[in-house]
Protein backbone atom coordinates (compact mmCIF):
# COMPACT_ATOMS: atom_id res chain seq x y z
CA UNK A 1 41.79 -3.72 -26.61
CA UNK A 2 41.51 -7.24 -27.87
CA UNK A 3 41.65 -8.67 -24.40
CA UNK A 4 38.61 -6.18 -22.76
CA UNK A 5 36.02 -8.06 -21.48
CA UNK A 6 32.76 -7.29 -22.49
CA UNK A 7 30.57 -6.18 -20.13
CA UNK A 8 27.34 -7.78 -18.99
CA UNK A 9 24.20 -5.40 -18.82
CA UNK A 10 23.64 -6.10 -15.38
CA UNK A 11 27.13 -4.36 -14.73
CA UNK A 12 25.66 -1.15 -15.36
CA UNK A 13 22.74 -1.38 -12.92
CA UNK A 14 22.74 0.36 -9.78
CA UNK A 15 24.22 -1.84 -6.72
CA UNK A 16 20.53 -1.59 -5.55
CA UNK A 17 19.27 -2.95 -8.59
CA UNK A 18 21.58 -5.67 -9.12
CA UNK A 19 20.67 -7.04 -5.73
CA UNK A 20 17.24 -6.93 -6.76
CA UNK A 21 17.25 -8.57 -10.33
CA UNK A 22 19.81 -11.34 -8.50
CA UNK A 23 16.96 -11.98 -5.80
CA UNK A 24 14.25 -12.13 -8.66
CA UNK A 25 16.55 -14.74 -10.65
CA UNK A 26 17.10 -16.74 -7.22
CA UNK A 27 13.39 -16.73 -6.63
CA UNK A 28 12.70 -18.03 -10.34
CA UNK A 29 15.06 -20.86 -9.79
CA UNK A 30 12.01 -22.81 -8.16
CA UNK A 31 10.66 -22.96 -11.71
CA UNK A 32 14.44 -24.18 -13.26
CA UNK A 33 12.90 -27.35 -14.37
CA UNK A 34 10.15 -25.28 -16.57
CA UNK A 35 11.84 -22.79 -17.99
CA UNK A 36 14.87 -25.08 -18.82
CA UNK A 37 12.61 -26.80 -21.09
CA UNK A 38 11.22 -23.81 -22.65
CA UNK A 39 12.10 -22.66 -27.00
CA UNK A 40 13.61 -19.51 -25.24
CA UNK A 41 14.71 -20.13 -21.71
CA UNK A 42 15.56 -16.63 -20.80
CA UNK A 43 11.77 -15.29 -21.80
CA UNK A 44 10.33 -18.20 -19.78
CA UNK A 45 13.07 -17.46 -16.93
CA UNK A 46 11.60 -13.73 -16.91
CA UNK A 47 7.90 -15.06 -16.80
CA UNK A 48 8.93 -17.03 -14.01
CA UNK A 49 10.35 -13.94 -12.05
CA UNK A 50 7.01 -12.45 -12.98
CA UNK A 51 5.12 -15.28 -11.05
CA UNK A 52 7.10 -14.95 -8.30
CA UNK A 53 6.32 -11.11 -8.39
CA UNK A 54 2.69 -12.02 -8.62
CA UNK A 55 2.82 -14.13 -5.73
CA UNK A 56 4.46 -11.64 -3.26
CA UNK A 57 1.87 -8.85 -4.52
CA UNK A 58 -0.60 -11.14 -3.47
CA UNK A 59 0.08 -11.88 -0.18
CA UNK A 60 1.15 -8.27 0.36
CA UNK A 61 -2.46 -7.23 -0.81
CA UNK A 62 -4.00 -10.13 1.16
CA UNK A 63 -1.90 -8.77 4.56
CA UNK A 64 -3.10 -5.05 3.58
CA UNK A 65 -6.67 -6.05 3.33
CA UNK A 66 -6.40 -7.78 6.93
CA UNK A 67 -5.21 -4.12 7.98
CA UNK A 68 -7.95 -2.44 6.37
CA UNK A 69 -10.35 -3.15 8.90
CA UNK A 70 -8.93 -2.30 12.27
CA UNK A 71 -7.72 1.07 10.87
CA UNK A 72 -11.49 1.91 9.38
CA UNK A 73 -12.51 0.88 12.99
CA UNK A 74 -9.73 3.21 14.38
CA UNK A 75 -10.64 5.88 12.00
CA UNK A 76 -14.75 5.57 13.07
CA UNK A 77 -14.09 5.95 16.62
CA UNK A 78 -11.49 9.00 16.20
CA UNK A 79 -15.11 10.55 13.98
CA UNK A 80 -16.89 9.83 16.56
CA UNK A 81 -14.67 11.32 19.47
CA UNK A 82 -14.10 14.40 17.17
CA UNK A 83 -17.83 15.09 17.09
CA UNK A 84 -18.35 14.70 20.42
CA UNK A 85 -15.57 16.98 21.34
CA UNK A 86 -16.75 19.76 18.86
CA UNK A 87 -20.49 19.42 20.28
CA UNK A 88 -19.09 20.23 23.46
CA UNK A 89 -16.98 23.22 22.81
CA UNK A 90 -19.86 24.65 20.59
CA UNK A 91 -22.58 23.80 23.10
CA UNK A 92 -20.15 25.58 26.00
CA UNK A 93 -19.84 28.41 23.65
CA UNK A 94 -23.37 29.08 22.38
CA UNK A 95 -25.30 27.56 25.08
CA UNK A 96 -28.55 26.97 22.69
CA UNK A 97 -31.60 27.06 24.49
CA UNK A 98 -34.43 26.73 22.31
CA UNK A 99 -35.40 24.38 20.04
CA UNK A 100 -34.25 26.36 16.97
CA UNK A 101 -30.84 27.14 18.69
CA UNK A 102 -30.38 23.76 19.41
CA UNK A 103 -31.10 23.04 15.69
CA UNK A 104 -28.67 25.66 14.35
CA UNK A 105 -26.04 24.45 16.92
CA UNK A 106 -26.67 20.94 15.66
CA UNK A 107 -26.13 22.00 11.43
CA UNK A 108 -23.13 24.01 12.81
CA UNK A 109 -21.32 20.91 14.41
CA UNK A 110 -22.36 18.90 11.34
CA UNK A 111 -20.39 21.76 9.25
CA UNK A 112 -17.21 21.48 11.16
CA UNK A 113 -17.18 18.10 11.06
CA UNK A 114 -16.60 18.08 7.44
CA UNK A 115 -12.98 19.90 7.76
């Protein structure tokens, strides 16, 4: 009992969490000169890890913004094609002749586009 080694709290983390925390502390080492001069080194080290997380988050956000525009364009193209297909099917089924029937067909297509 006297010779039992006291376990580090990190030993109770899952292996995945241990890997993540290890990577965070490794990333925070970039700021070692700063946190080693802090009154509370451990807290400063955590803040430095947060800085690194924020930098990664900002990079991911920037990349997502780059991807948004092409995906919006793809969705718009898909919606336009969907509308053309619905119009074609409805016109083949109904075969509108009068202006009134054409207007009703147009309204039907618009209502179907909501689905």
